[in-house]
């Protein structure tokens, strides 16, 4: 058991998605480059499990929840994107 091998906090503006931020690429270029470096650093750590903590999704104002669904999915349609849809199997 190695414990926590990597941790980060990452901004993720919707403008990073081409369908949403088309024409605004320069505004988020530094963030996009930083996210690529973050992905590289995460891959170098070769984690067995990745925990994603997010304020997005179903929540309660007075509690923190843990998703126990077999899968997670989402899209950026509320930001005007036509796709793609994202789907992930969760490691329960």
PDB file of N, CA and C in Angstrom:
ATOM      1  N   UNK A   1       0.846  -1.186   0.000  1.00  0.00           N
ATOM      2  CA  UNK A   1       0.000   0.000   0.000  1.00  0.00           C
ATOM      3  C   UNK A   1       0.883   1.239   0.000  1.00  0.00           C
ATOM      4  N   UNK A   2       0.821   2.022  -1.063  1.00  0.00           N
ATOM      5  CA  UNK A   2       1.700   3.168  -1.229  1.00  0.00           C
ATOM      6  C   UNK A   2       1.125   4.453  -0.653  1.00  0.00           C
ATOM      7  N   UNK A   3      -0.161   4.525  -0.408  1.00  0.00           N
ATOM      8  CA  UNK A   3      -0.764   5.759   0.064  1.00  0.00           C
ATOM      9  C   UNK A   3      -1.013   6.715  -1.081  1.00  0.00           C
ATOM     10  N   UNK A   4      -1.191   7.958  -0.745  1.00  0.00           N
ATOM     11  CA  UNK A   4      -1.457   8.973  -1.767  1.00  0.00           C
ATOM     12  C   UNK A   4      -0.152   9.292  -2.483  1.00  0.00           C
ATOM     13  N   UNK A   5      -0.144   9.183  -3.800  1.00  0.00           N
ATOM     14  CA  UNK A   5       1.068   9.428  -4.586  1.00  0.00           C
ATOM     15  C   UNK A   5       1.012  10.722  -5.382  1.00  0.00           C
ATOM     16  N   UNK A   6      -0.168  11.332  -5.452  1.00  0.00           N
ATOM     17  CA  UNK A   6      -0.315  12.536  -6.264  1.00  0.00           C
ATOM     18  C   UNK A   6      -1.602  13.238  -5.864  1.00  0.00           C
ATOM     19  N   UNK A   7      -1.597  14.545  -5.856  1.00  0.00           N
ATOM     20  CA  UNK A   7      -2.808  15.303  -5.566  1.00  0.00           C
ATOM     21  C   UNK A   7      -2.763  16.639  -6.284  1.00  0.00           C
ATOM     22  N   UNK A   8      -3.913  17.172  -6.609  1.00  0.00           N
ATOM     23  CA  UNK A   8      -3.939  18.455  -7.299  1.00  0.00           C
ATOM     24  C   UNK A   8      -5.322  19.087  -7.190  1.00  0.00           C
ATOM     25  N   UNK A   9      -5.361  20.368  -7.441  1.00  0.00           N
ATOM     26  CA  UNK A   9      -6.600  21.117  -7.609  1.00  0.00           C
ATOM     27  C   UNK A   9      -6.494  21.736  -8.991  1.00  0.00           C
ATOM     28  N   UNK A  10      -7.534  21.574  -9.801  1.00  0.00           N
ATOM     29  CA  UNK A  10      -7.433  22.023 -11.185  1.00  0.00           C
ATOM     30  C   UNK A  10      -8.638  22.851 -11.616  1.00  0.00           C
ATOM     31  N   UNK A  11      -8.396  24.090 -12.060  1.00  0.00           N
ATOM     32  CA  UNK A  11      -9.488  24.851 -12.666  1.00  0.00           C
ATOM     33  C   UNK A  11      -9.836  24.204 -13.996  1.00  0.00           C
ATOM     34  N   UNK A  12     -11.070  24.319 -14.388  1.00  0.00           N
ATOM     35  CA  UNK A  12     -11.475  23.671 -15.631  1.00  0.00           C
ATOM     36  C   UNK A  12     -12.584  24.478 -16.304  1.00  0.00           C
ATOM     37  N   UNK A  13     -12.217  25.625 -16.869  1.00  0.00           N
ATOM     38  CA  UNK A  13     -13.236  26.461 -17.517  1.00  0.00           C
ATOM     39  C   UNK A  13     -13.845  25.776 -18.731  1.00  0.00           C
ATOM     40  N   UNK A  14     -15.132  25.937 -18.925  1.00  0.00           N
ATOM     41  CA  UNK A  14     -15.797  25.327 -20.076  1.00  0.00           C
ATOM     42  C   UNK A  14     -15.174  25.743 -21.409  1.00  0.00           C
ATOM     43  N   UNK A  15     -14.500  26.887 -21.440  1.00  0.00           N
ATOM     44  CA  UNK A  15     -13.878  27.352 -22.687  1.00  0.00           C
ATOM     45  C   UNK A  15     -12.815  26.388 -23.196  1.00  0.00           C
ATOM     46  N   UNK A  16     -12.351  25.452 -22.358  1.00  0.00           N
ATOM     47  CA  UNK A  16     -11.376  24.457 -22.804  1.00  0.00           C
ATOM     48  C   UNK A  16     -11.958  23.514 -23.853  1.00  0.00           C
ATOM     49  N   UNK A  17     -13.276  23.353 -23.877  1.00  0.00           N
ATOM     50  CA  UNK A  17     -13.930  22.491 -24.851  1.00  0.00           C
ATOM     51  C   UNK A  17     -14.116  23.261 -26.151  1.00  0.00           C
ATOM     52  N   UNK A  18     -13.588  22.759 -27.262  1.00  0.00           N
ATOM     53  CA  UNK A  18     -13.674  23.477 -28.540  1.00  0.00           C
ATOM     54  C   UNK A  18     -15.088  23.901 -28.918  1.00  0.00           C
ATOM     55  N   UNK A  19     -16.083  23.056 -28.654  1.00  0.00           N
ATOM     56  CA  UNK A  19     -17.470  23.401 -28.981  1.00  0.00           C
ATOM     57  C   UNK A  19     -17.978  24.597 -28.173  1.00  0.00           C
ATOM     58  N   UNK A  20     -17.406  24.796 -27.000  1.00  0.00           N
ATOM     59  CA  UNK A  20     -17.838  25.889 -26.122  1.00  0.00           C
ATOM     60  C   UNK A  20     -16.968  27.120 -26.330  1.00  0.00           C
ATOM     61  N   UNK A  21     -15.656  26.932 -26.362  1.00  0.00           N
ATOM     62  CA  UNK A  21     -14.729  28.050 -26.380  1.00  0.00           C
ATOM     63  C   UNK A  21     -14.204  28.454 -27.741  1.00  0.00           C
ATOM     64  N   UNK A  22     -14.796  27.967 -28.802  1.00  0.00           N
ATOM     65  CA  UNK A  22     -14.328  28.304 -30.138  1.00  0.00           C
ATOM     66  C   UNK A  22     -14.174  29.805 -30.290  1.00  0.00           C
ATOM     67  N   UNK A  23     -12.972  30.233 -30.643  1.00  0.00           N
ATOM     68  CA  UNK A  23     -12.678  31.652 -30.770  1.00  0.00           C
ATOM     69  C   UNK A  23     -12.066  32.240 -29.513  1.00  0.00           C
ATOM     70  N   UNK A  24     -12.050  31.480 -28.425  1.00  0.00           N
ATOM     71  CA  UNK A  24     -11.494  31.968 -27.154  1.00  0.00           C
ATOM     72  C   UNK A  24     -10.275  31.157 -26.729  1.00  0.00           C
ATOM     73  N   UNK A  25      -9.680  30.434 -27.669  1.00  0.00           N
ATOM     74  CA  UNK A  25      -8.573  29.545 -27.342  1.00  0.00           C
ATOM     75  C   UNK A  25      -7.421  30.256 -26.640  1.00  0.00           C
ATOM     76  N   UNK A  26      -7.114  31.458 -27.051  1.00  0.00           N
ATOM     77  CA  UNK A  26      -5.978  32.180 -26.468  1.00  0.00           C
ATOM     78  C   UNK A  26      -6.226  32.519 -25.004  1.00  0.00           C
ATOM     79  N   UNK A  27      -7.491  32.737 -24.643  1.00  0.00           N
ATOM     80  CA  UNK A  27      -7.829  33.089 -23.263  1.00  0.00           C
ATOM     81  C   UNK A  27      -7.523  31.962 -22.285  1.00  0.00           C
ATOM     82  N   UNK A  28      -7.584  30.733 -22.740  1.00  0.00           N
ATOM     83  CA  UNK A  28      -7.385  29.585 -21.847  1.00  0.00           C
ATOM     84  C   UNK A  28      -6.149  28.763 -22.216  1.00  0.00           C
ATOM     85  N   UNK A  29      -5.280  29.303 -23.061  1.00  0.00           N
ATOM     86  CA  UNK A  29      -4.103  28.560 -23.514  1.00  0.00           C
ATOM     87  C   UNK A  29      -3.215  28.129 -22.349  1.00  0.00           C
ATOM     88  N   UNK A  30      -2.951  29.026 -21.402  1.00  0.00           N
ATOM     89  CA  UNK A  30      -2.090  28.672 -20.270  1.00  0.00           C
ATOM     90  C   UNK A  30      -2.736  27.572 -19.432  1.00  0.00           C
ATOM     91  N   UNK A  31      -4.038  27.626 -19.248  1.00  0.00           N
ATOM     92  CA  UNK A  31      -4.746  26.590 -18.490  1.00  0.00           C
ATOM     93  C   UNK A  31      -4.697  25.267 -19.237  1.00  0.00           C
ATOM     94  N   UNK A  32      -4.916  25.285 -20.552  1.00  0.00           N
ATOM     95  CA  UNK A  32      -4.852  24.059 -21.346  1.00  0.00           C
ATOM     96  C   UNK A  32      -3.474  23.420 -21.242  1.00  0.00           C
ATOM     97  N   UNK A  33      -2.418  24.226 -21.361  1.00  0.00           N
ATOM     98  CA  UNK A  33      -1.059  23.704 -21.262  1.00  0.00           C
ATOM     99  C   UNK A  33      -0.799  23.130 -19.869  1.00  0.00           C
ATOM    100  N   UNK A  34      -1.281  23.814 -18.836  1.00  0.00           N
ATOM    101  CA  UNK A  34      -1.107  23.325 -17.469  1.00  0.00           C
ATOM    102  C   UNK A  34      -1.855  22.014 -17.256  1.00  0.00           C
ATOM    103  N   UNK A  35      -3.039  21.888 -17.841  1.00  0.00           N
ATOM    104  CA  UNK A  35      -3.800  20.643 -17.715  1.00  0.00           C
ATOM    105  C   UNK A  35      -3.079  19.492 -18.421  1.00  0.00           C
ATOM    106  N   UNK A  36      -2.436  19.768 -19.542  1.00  0.00           N
ATOM    107  CA  UNK A  36      -1.651  18.734 -20.228  1.00  0.00           C
ATOM    108  C   UNK A  36      -0.488  18.288 -19.355  1.00  0.00           C
ATOM    109  N   UNK A  37       0.220  19.244 -18.736  1.00  0.00           N
ATOM    110  CA  UNK A  37       1.326  18.890 -17.832  1.00  0.00           C
ATOM    111  C   UNK A  37       0.802  18.095 -16.639  1.00  0.00           C
ATOM    112  N   UNK A  38      -0.346  18.497 -16.118  1.00  0.00           N
ATOM    113  CA  UNK A  38      -0.961  17.784 -15.004  1.00  0.00           C
ATOM    114  C   UNK A  38      -1.258  16.336 -15.384  1.00  0.00           C
ATOM    115  N   UNK A  39      -1.804  16.125 -16.580  1.00  0.00           N
ATOM    116  CA  UNK A  39      -2.069  14.767 -17.060  1.00  0.00           C
ATOM    117  C   UNK A  39      -0.797  13.946 -17.174  1.00  0.00           C
ATOM    118  N   UNK A  40       0.270  14.569 -17.649  1.00  0.00           N
ATOM    119  CA  UNK A  40       1.551  13.878 -17.769  1.00  0.00           C
ATOM    120  C   UNK A  40       2.083  13.480 -16.398  1.00  0.00           C
ATOM    121  N   UNK A  41       1.975  14.401 -15.436  1.00  0.00           N
ATOM    122  CA  UNK A  41       2.452  14.108 -14.078  1.00  0.00           C
ATOM    123  C   UNK A  41       1.635  12.991 -13.439  1.00  0.00           C
ATOM    124  N   UNK A  42       0.330  13.023 -13.647  1.00  0.00           N
ATOM    125  CA  UNK A  42      -0.524  11.961 -13.116  1.00  0.00           C
ATOM    126  C   UNK A  42      -0.136  10.624 -13.730  1.00  0.00           C
ATOM    127  N   UNK A  43       0.057  10.585 -15.043  1.00  0.00           N
ATOM    128  CA  UNK A  43       0.430   9.337 -15.724  1.00  0.00           C
ATOM    129  C   UNK A  43       1.767   8.811 -15.213  1.00  0.00           C
ATOM    130  N   UNK A  44       2.723   9.698 -14.938  1.00  0.00           N
ATOM    131  CA  UNK A  44       4.024   9.279 -14.430  1.00  0.00           C
ATOM    132  C   UNK A  44       3.898   8.594 -13.073  1.00  0.00           C
ATOM    133  N   UNK A  45       2.897   8.987 -12.297  1.00  0.00           N
ATOM    134  CA  UNK A  45       2.688   8.389 -10.978  1.00  0.00           C
ATOM    135  C   UNK A  45       2.007   7.031 -11.049  1.00  0.00           C
ATOM    136  N   UNK A  46       1.432   6.689 -12.196  1.00  0.00           N
ATOM    137  CA  UNK A  46       0.794   5.399 -12.426  1.00  0.00           C
ATOM    138  C   UNK A  46      -0.120   4.990 -11.264  1.00  0.00           C
ATOM    139  N   UNK A  47      -1.116   5.810 -10.958  1.00  0.00           N
ATOM    140  CA  UNK A  47      -1.978   5.485  -9.815  1.00  0.00           C
ATOM    141  C   UNK A  47      -2.848   4.262 -10.085  1.00  0.00           C
ATOM    142  N   UNK A  48      -3.103   3.496  -9.038  1.00  0.00           N
ATOM    143  CA  UNK A  48      -4.010   2.357  -9.141  1.00  0.00           C
ATOM    144  C   UNK A  48      -5.451   2.861  -9.177  1.00  0.00           C
ATOM    145  N   UNK A  49      -5.726   3.897  -8.411  1.00  0.00           N
ATOM    146  CA  UNK A  49      -7.069   4.460  -8.312  1.00  0.00           C
ATOM    147  C   UNK A  49      -6.971   5.977  -8.328  1.00  0.00           C
ATOM    148  N   UNK A  50      -7.907   6.618  -9.009  1.00  0.00           N
ATOM    149  CA  UNK A  50      -7.973   8.076  -9.043  1.00  0.00           C
ATOM    150  C   UNK A  50      -9.290   8.498  -8.393  1.00  0.00           C
ATOM    151  N   UNK A  51      -9.213   9.379  -7.397  1.00  0.00           N
ATOM    152  CA  UNK A  51     -10.394   9.944  -6.774  1.00  0.00           C
ATOM    153  C   UNK A  51     -10.629  11.317  -7.375  1.00  0.00           C
ATOM    154  N   UNK A  52     -11.831  11.571  -7.821  1.00  0.00           N
ATOM    155  CA  UNK A  52     -12.193  12.885  -8.351  1.00  0.00           C
ATOM    156  C   UNK A  52     -13.222  13.482  -7.406  1.00  0.00           C
ATOM    157  N   UNK A  53     -12.886  14.627  -6.839  1.00  0.00           N
ATOM    158  CA  UNK A  53     -13.802  15.323  -5.944  1.00  0.00           C
ATOM    159  C   UNK A  53     -14.259  16.572  -6.668  1.00  0.00           C
ATOM    160  N   UNK A  54     -15.553  16.775  -6.731  1.00  0.00           N
ATOM    161  CA  UNK A  54     -16.099  17.865  -7.529  1.00  0.00           C
ATOM    162  C   UNK A  54     -17.326  18.474  -6.871  1.00  0.00           C
ATOM    163  N   UNK A  55     -17.501  19.782  -7.039  1.00  0.00           N
ATOM    164  CA  UNK A  55     -18.727  20.410  -6.549  1.00  0.00           C
ATOM    165  C   UNK A  55     -19.875  20.277  -7.546  1.00  0.00           C
ATOM    166  N   UNK A  56     -19.623  19.630  -8.677  1.00  0.00           N
ATOM    167  CA  UNK A  56     -20.645  19.479  -9.710  1.00  0.00           C
ATOM    168  C   UNK A  56     -21.426  18.190  -9.506  1.00  0.00           C
ATOM    169  N   UNK A  57     -22.676  18.192  -9.870  1.00  0.00           N
ATOM    170  CA  UNK A  57     -23.500  16.998  -9.756  1.00  0.00           C
ATOM    171  C   UNK A  57     -24.449  17.098  -8.575  1.00  0.00           C
ATOM    172  N   UNK A  58     -25.046  15.975  -8.230  1.00  0.00           N
ATOM    173  CA  UNK A  58     -25.998  15.943  -7.122  1.00  0.00           C
ATOM    174  C   UNK A  58     -25.267  16.233  -5.814  1.00  0.00           C
ATOM    175  N   UNK A  59     -25.874  17.020  -4.966  1.00  0.00           N
ATOM    176  CA  UNK A  59     -25.225  17.365  -3.706  1.00  0.00           C
ATOM    177  C   UNK A  59     -26.269  17.761  -2.662  1.00  0.00           C
ATOM    178  N   UNK A  60     -25.789  17.833  -1.436  1.00  0.00           N
ATOM    179  CA  UNK A  60     -26.583  18.318  -0.310  1.00  0.00           C
ATOM    180  C   UNK A  60     -25.812  19.473   0.304  1.00  0.00           C
ATOM    181  N   UNK A  61     -26.504  20.537   0.668  1.00  0.00           N
ATOM    182  CA  UNK A  61     -25.827  21.710   1.221  1.00  0.00           C
ATOM    183  C   UNK A  61     -25.115  21.431   2.539  1.00  0.00           C
ATOM    184  N   UNK A  62     -25.565  20.432   3.279  1.00  0.00           N
ATOM    185  CA  UNK A  62     -24.997  20.190   4.603  1.00  0.00           C
ATOM    186  C   UNK A  62     -24.231  18.865   4.707  1.00  0.00           C
ATOM    187  N   UNK A  63     -23.874  18.277   3.569  1.00  0.00           N
ATOM    188  CA  UNK A  63     -23.179  16.991   3.615  1.00  0.00           C
ATOM    189  C   UNK A  63     -22.354  16.781   2.349  1.00  0.00           C
ATOM    190  N   UNK A  64     -21.387  15.888   2.446  1.00  0.00           N
ATOM    191  CA  UNK A  64     -20.606  15.494   1.282  1.00  0.00           C
ATOM    192  C   UNK A  64     -20.993  14.064   0.950  1.00  0.00           C
ATOM    193  N   UNK A  65     -21.232  13.784  -0.300  1.00  0.00           N
ATOM    194  CA  UNK A  65     -21.643  12.454  -0.702  1.00  0.00           C
ATOM    195  C   UNK A  65     -20.549  11.712  -1.433  1.00  0.00           C
ATOM    196  N   UNK A  66     -20.736  10.427  -1.575  1.00  0.00           N
ATOM    197  CA  UNK A  66     -19.830   9.582  -2.335  1.00  0.00           C
ATOM    198  C   UNK A  66     -20.672   8.852  -3.372  1.00  0.00           C
ATOM    199  N   UNK A  67     -20.306   9.007  -4.626  1.00  0.00           N
ATOM    200  CA  UNK A  67     -21.041   8.333  -5.701  1.00  0.00           C
ATOM    201  C   UNK A  67     -20.776   6.837  -5.621  1.00  0.00           C
ATOM    202  N   UNK A  68     -21.835   6.067  -5.655  1.00  0.00           N
ATOM    203  CA  UNK A  68     -21.687   4.616  -5.594  1.00  0.00           C
ATOM    204  C   UNK A  68     -22.254   3.939  -6.838  1.00  0.00           C
ATOM    205  N   UNK A  69     -22.494   4.723  -7.868  1.00  0.00           N
ATOM    206  CA  UNK A  69     -23.023   4.174  -9.119  1.00  0.00           C
ATOM    207  C   UNK A  69     -21.932   3.396  -9.856  1.00  0.00           C
ATOM    208  N   UNK A  70     -22.346   2.453 -10.670  1.00  0.00           N
ATOM    209  CA  UNK A  70     -21.390   1.661 -11.438  1.00  0.00           C
ATOM    210  C   UNK A  70     -20.717   2.460 -12.541  1.00  0.00           C
ATOM    211  N   UNK A  71     -21.356   3.571 -12.955  1.00  0.00           N
ATOM    212  CA  UNK A  71     -20.770   4.386 -14.016  1.00  0.00           C
ATOM    213  C   UNK A  71     -21.122   5.855 -13.792  1.00  0.00           C
ATOM    214  N   UNK A  72     -20.396   6.707 -14.480  1.00  0.00           N
ATOM    215  CA  UNK A  72     -20.650   8.150 -14.464  1.00  0.00           C
ATOM    216  C   UNK A  72     -20.681   8.627 -15.907  1.00  0.00           C
ATOM    217  N   UNK A  73     -21.485   9.649 -16.170  1.00  0.00           N
ATOM    218  CA  UNK A  73     -21.549  10.172 -17.536  1.00  0.00           C
ATOM    219  C   UNK A  73     -21.862  11.658 -17.485  1.00  0.00           C
ATOM    220  N   UNK A  74     -21.625  12.323 -18.593  1.00  0.00           N
ATOM    221  CA  UNK A  74     -21.918  13.742 -18.672  1.00  0.00           C
ATOM    222  C   UNK A  74     -21.645  14.288 -20.057  1.00  0.00           C
ATOM    223  N   UNK A  75     -21.973  15.547 -20.224  1.00  0.00           N
ATOM    224  CA  UNK A  75     -21.730  16.240 -21.484  1.00  0.00           C
ATOM    225  C   UNK A  75     -21.643  17.730 -21.185  1.00  0.00           C
ATOM    226  N   UNK A  76     -21.386  18.508 -22.194  1.00  0.00           N
ATOM    227  CA  UNK A  76     -21.261  19.967 -22.033  1.00  0.00           C
ATOM    228  C   UNK A  76     -22.405  20.687 -22.739  1.00  0.00           C
ATOM    229  N   UNK A  77     -23.528  20.029 -22.907  1.00  0.00           N
ATOM    230  CA  UNK A  77     -24.653  20.628 -23.631  1.00  0.00           C
ATOM    231  C   UNK A  77     -25.189  21.901 -22.962  1.00  0.00           C
ATOM    232  N   UNK A  78     -25.154  21.952 -21.629  1.00  0.00           N
ATOM    233  CA  UNK A  78     -25.656  23.157 -20.963  1.00  0.00           C
ATOM    234  C   UNK A  78     -24.779  24.374 -21.257  1.00  0.00           C
ATOM    235  N   UNK A  79     -23.567  24.134 -21.782  1.00  0.00           N
ATOM    236  CA  UNK A  79     -22.660  25.213 -22.172  1.00  0.00           C
ATOM    237  C   UNK A  79     -22.721  25.466 -23.676  1.00  0.00           C
ATOM    238  N   UNK A  80     -23.605  24.760 -24.380  1.00  0.00           N
ATOM    239  CA  UNK A  80     -23.765  24.989 -25.807  1.00  0.00           C
ATOM    240  C   UNK A  80     -23.050  23.999 -26.697  1.00  0.00           C
ATOM    241  N   UNK A  81     -22.384  23.008 -26.129  1.00  0.00           N
ATOM    242  CA  UNK A  81     -21.666  22.026 -26.943  1.00  0.00           C
ATOM    243  C   UNK A  81     -22.633  20.984 -27.492  1.00  0.00           C
ATOM    244  N   UNK A  82     -22.345  20.493 -28.681  1.00  0.00           N
ATOM    245  CA  UNK A  82     -23.177  19.445 -29.273  1.00  0.00           C
ATOM    246  C   UNK A  82     -22.664  18.059 -28.887  1.00  0.00           C
ATOM    247  N   UNK A  83     -21.528  17.978 -28.304  1.00  0.00           N
ATOM    248  CA  UNK A  83     -20.928  16.707 -27.894  1.00  0.00           C
ATOM    249  C   UNK A  83     -19.480  16.939 -27.546  1.00  0.00           C
ATOM    250  N   UNK A  84     -18.721  15.982 -27.215  1.00  0.00           N
ATOM    251  CA  UNK A  84     -19.116  14.583 -27.111  1.00  0.00           C
ATOM    252  C   UNK A  84     -19.738  14.285 -25.751  1.00  0.00           C
ATOM    253  N   UNK A  85     -20.305  13.096 -25.634  1.00  0.00           N
ATOM    254  CA  UNK A  85     -20.800  12.595 -24.367  1.00  0.00           C
ATOM    255  C   UNK A  85     -19.650  11.825 -23.708  1.00  0.00           C
ATOM    256  N   UNK A  86     -19.571  11.897 -22.394  1.00  0.00           N
ATOM    257  CA  UNK A  86     -18.512  11.202 -21.663  1.00  0.00           C
ATOM    258  C   UNK A  86     -19.140  10.114 -20.806  1.00  0.00           C
ATOM    259  N   UNK A  87     -18.483   8.949 -20.739  1.00  0.00           N
ATOM    260  CA  UNK A  87     -18.984   7.828 -19.984  1.00  0.00           C
ATOM    261  C   UNK A  87     -17.781   7.121 -19.353  1.00  0.00           C
ATOM    262  N   UNK A  88     -17.867   6.844 -18.058  1.00  0.00           N
ATOM    263  CA  UNK A  88     -16.787   6.187 -17.344  1.00  0.00           C
ATOM    264  C   UNK A  88     -17.330   5.081 -16.459  1.00  0.00           C
ATOM    265  N   UNK A  89     -16.667   3.951 -16.457  1.00  0.00           N
ATOM    266  CA  UNK A  89     -16.976   2.890 -15.502  1.00  0.00           C
ATOM    267  C   UNK A  89     -16.300   3.285 -14.181  1.00  0.00           C
ATOM    268  N   UNK A  90     -17.029   3.220 -13.092  1.00  0.00           N
ATOM    269  CA  UNK A  90     -16.459   3.539 -11.773  1.00  0.00           C
ATOM    270  C   UNK A  90     -15.891   2.283 -11.134  1.00  0.00           C
ATOM    271  N   UNK A  91     -14.791   2.437 -10.437  1.00  0.00           N
ATOM    272  CA  UNK A  91     -14.150   1.335  -9.718  1.00  0.00           C
ATOM    273  C   UNK A  91     -14.723   1.333  -8.301  1.00  0.00           C
ATOM    274  N   UNK A  92     -15.781   0.568  -8.121  1.00  0.00           N
ATOM    275  CA  UNK A  92     -16.437   0.537  -6.816  1.00  0.00           C
ATOM    276  C   UNK A  92     -15.617  -0.190  -5.769  1.00  0.00           C
TER     277      UNK A  92
END
